[in-house]
Amino acid sequence: MVRDRLSWMRFCGLGIADTVPDANTLWDFREALIKADALDALFNELDRAINQAGFIPRAGQIVDASLIAAPRQRNSD
């Protein structure tokens, strides 16, 4: 996704001409964080920084966009 979306590149601090790590590099980094027991601490710090910046993340929410029939309005002039 980082290669495909400019917003992700901007988030990662990458420019349009910068190289992007491949999936294996990212996976290996994630596994190293898990092995060092640092992944949870990293995400806790990220949550703290997001909240301190005034953002309120809403995890796991799904917006229901179902259409339902409604009665016709029969308002007259």
Protein backbone atom coordinates (compact mmCIF):
# COMPACT_ATOMS: atom_id res chain seq x y z
CA MET A 1 0.00 0.00 0.00
CA VAL A 2 2.86 2.37 0.72
CA ARG A 3 3.93 2.23 -2.91
CA ASP A 4 0.40 2.79 -4.18
CA ARG A 5 -0.83 5.66 -2.02
CA LEU A 6 0.74 9.05 -1.56
CA SER A 7 -1.02 9.48 1.79
CA TRP A 8 0.75 6.36 3.12
CA MET A 9 4.07 7.60 1.76
CA ARG A 10 3.53 10.95 3.45
CA PHE A 11 2.62 9.20 6.72
CA CYS A 12 5.84 7.16 6.53
CA GLY A 13 7.89 10.26 5.78
CA LEU A 14 8.83 9.06 2.30
CA GLY A 15 9.14 11.14 -0.84
CA ILE A 16 7.96 10.12 -4.29
CA ALA A 17 11.49 9.10 -5.33
CA ASP A 18 12.34 7.22 -2.10
CA THR A 19 12.57 3.46 -2.06
CA VAL A 20 9.88 1.61 -0.14
CA PRO A 21 10.70 -1.50 1.88
CA ASP A 22 9.15 -4.68 0.52
CA ALA A 23 6.70 -6.86 2.45
CA ASN A 24 9.43 -9.27 3.61
CA THR A 25 11.45 -6.44 5.15
CA LEU A 26 8.40 -5.16 7.01
CA TRP A 27 7.47 -8.68 8.14
CA ASP A 28 11.01 -9.31 9.41
CA PHE A 29 10.94 -6.01 11.30
CA ARG A 30 7.59 -6.91 12.87
CA GLU A 31 8.90 -10.33 13.90
CA ALA A 32 11.99 -8.70 15.44
CA LEU A 33 9.74 -6.37 17.46
CA ILE A 34 7.74 -9.35 18.69
CA LYS A 35 10.89 -11.28 19.59
CA ALA A 36 12.20 -8.26 21.52
CA ASP A 37 8.79 -7.98 23.27
CA ALA A 38 8.54 -4.40 21.99
CA LEU A 39 5.51 -4.49 19.69
CA ASP A 40 2.91 -3.76 22.39
CA ALA A 41 5.03 -0.97 23.87
CA LEU A 42 5.43 0.56 20.42
CA PHE A 43 1.68 0.55 19.78
CA ASN A 44 0.98 1.92 23.28
CA GLU A 45 3.34 4.81 22.53
CA LEU A 46 1.64 5.37 19.18
CA ASP A 47 -1.79 5.45 20.90
CA ARG A 48 -0.45 7.95 23.44
CA ALA A 49 0.92 10.23 20.72
CA ILE A 50 -2.33 10.06 18.73
CA ASN A 51 -4.42 10.89 21.79
CA GLN A 52 -2.04 13.68 22.85
CA ALA A 53 -2.40 15.21 19.38
CA GLY A 54 -6.15 15.40 19.98
CA PHE A 55 -7.27 12.60 17.70
CA ILE A 56 -9.80 10.05 18.88
CA PRO A 57 -9.26 6.76 17.06
CA ARG A 58 -12.34 4.60 16.75
CA ALA A 59 -11.22 1.01 16.35
CA GLY A 60 -13.45 -1.67 14.95
CA GLN A 61 -16.32 0.49 13.81
CA ILE A 62 -18.33 -0.36 10.73
CA VAL A 63 -20.77 2.04 9.16
CA ASP A 64 -23.99 0.40 8.04
CA ALA A 65 -24.98 1.80 4.65
CA SER A 66 -28.06 -0.36 4.18
CA LEU A 67 -30.97 1.22 2.34
CA ILE A 68 -34.39 0.78 3.86
CA ALA A 69 -37.82 1.64 2.51
CA ALA A 70 -39.46 4.69 4.06
CA PRO A 71 -43.06 5.87 3.72
CA ARG A 72 -43.69 8.45 1.00
CA GLN A 73 -44.22 11.95 2.19
CA ARG A 74 -47.63 13.20 1.13
CA ASN A 75 -47.27 16.84 2.07
CA SER A 76 -49.47 19.24 0.16
CA ASP A 77 -48.93 22.92 -0.53
